[in-house]
């Protein structure tokens, strides 16, 4: 089972996709891409099963300025 890479109170940055990168099924909104956020909750959610049969994937609730908490997948975050 995967473990979350970031923990509560960590500073993260919502990454901006590359020019030819496919966004996948749940990309973050363009208004938060490139912005710095604080992780509020880190955990695992039930997602699509991988080749290994594991269906749990790391996800986070992050806080950016005065916006409500945003649920985002780990693939869209990088260390700030």
Protein backbone atom coordinates (compact mmCIF):
# COMPACT_ATOMS: atom_id res chain seq x y z
CA UNK A 1 0.00 0.00 0.00
CA UNK A 2 1.26 3.48 -0.84
CA UNK A 3 1.93 6.02 1.89
CA UNK A 4 1.35 9.76 1.66
CA UNK A 5 4.49 11.71 0.69
CA UNK A 6 3.43 14.92 2.48
CA UNK A 7 2.10 15.47 6.00
CA UNK A 8 -0.17 18.06 7.68
CA UNK A 9 1.43 21.52 7.91
CA UNK A 10 3.84 20.80 5.01
CA UNK A 11 4.16 23.54 2.41
CA UNK A 12 3.49 22.25 -1.09
CA UNK A 13 3.13 23.73 -4.54
CA UNK A 14 0.41 22.73 -6.99
CA UNK A 15 2.39 21.94 -10.08
CA UNK A 16 1.62 23.21 -13.55
CA UNK A 17 1.37 20.49 -16.21
CA UNK A 18 3.91 20.28 -19.00
CA UNK A 19 3.00 21.44 -22.47
CA UNK A 20 2.19 17.96 -23.85
CA UNK A 21 1.20 16.35 -20.55
CA UNK A 22 -2.16 14.59 -20.35
CA UNK A 23 -4.13 15.97 -17.42
CA UNK A 24 -5.82 12.71 -16.39
CA UNK A 25 -9.31 12.40 -15.00
CA UNK A 26 -9.07 14.77 -11.99
CA UNK A 27 -6.78 17.73 -12.72
CA UNK A 28 -6.76 20.67 -10.30
CA UNK A 29 -8.34 23.92 -11.40
CA UNK A 30 -6.18 26.24 -13.44
CA UNK A 31 -6.62 29.00 -10.85
CA UNK A 32 -4.63 27.03 -8.25
CA UNK A 33 -1.90 25.66 -10.53
CA UNK A 34 1.49 27.08 -9.58
CA UNK A 35 0.29 28.31 -6.18
CA UNK A 36 1.72 27.41 -2.78
CA UNK A 37 -0.53 25.69 -0.24
CA UNK A 38 -0.48 24.11 3.21
CA UNK A 39 -1.44 20.46 3.66
CA UNK A 40 -4.31 20.19 6.13
CA UNK A 41 -5.11 16.47 5.90
CA UNK A 42 -3.08 13.67 4.32
CA UNK A 43 -4.49 10.23 3.69
CA UNK A 44 -5.45 7.50 1.28
CA UNK A 45 -8.61 7.32 -0.79
CA UNK A 46 -10.08 4.48 -2.77
CA UNK A 47 -9.24 5.05 -6.42
CA UNK A 48 -8.80 2.93 -9.52
CA UNK A 49 -6.94 -0.35 -9.01
CA UNK A 50 -3.33 -0.40 -10.22
CA UNK A 51 -1.53 -3.27 -11.92
CA UNK A 52 -0.51 -4.55 -8.45
CA UNK A 53 -4.16 -4.67 -7.39
CA UNK A 54 -3.85 -1.77 -4.92
CA UNK A 55 -6.82 0.60 -5.14
CA UNK A 56 -5.71 3.10 -2.46
CA UNK A 57 -4.04 6.30 -3.64
CA UNK A 58 -2.58 9.22 -1.62
CA UNK A 59 -4.72 12.37 -1.58
CA UNK A 60 -4.70 15.58 0.41
CA UNK A 61 -6.85 18.45 1.54
CA UNK A 62 -4.82 21.59 0.98
CA UNK A 63 -5.46 25.22 1.95
CA UNK A 64 -4.63 28.15 -0.33
CA UNK A 65 -5.19 31.61 1.12
CA UNK A 66 -8.88 32.08 2.00
CA UNK A 67 -10.22 29.34 -0.30
CA UNK A 68 -12.06 26.39 1.22
CA UNK A 69 -10.04 23.14 1.56
CA UNK A 70 -9.26 21.56 -1.80
CA UNK A 71 -9.03 17.80 -2.34
CA UNK A 72 -6.09 17.00 -4.63
CA UNK A 73 -4.16 13.90 -5.68
CA UNK A 74 -0.46 13.53 -4.82
CA UNK A 75 0.60 13.56 -8.48
CA UNK A 76 -0.29 17.27 -8.63
CA UNK A 77 1.83 18.31 -5.63
CA UNK A 78 5.52 19.02 -5.19
CA UNK A 79 7.55 20.27 -2.23
CA UNK A 80 7.53 24.05 -1.92
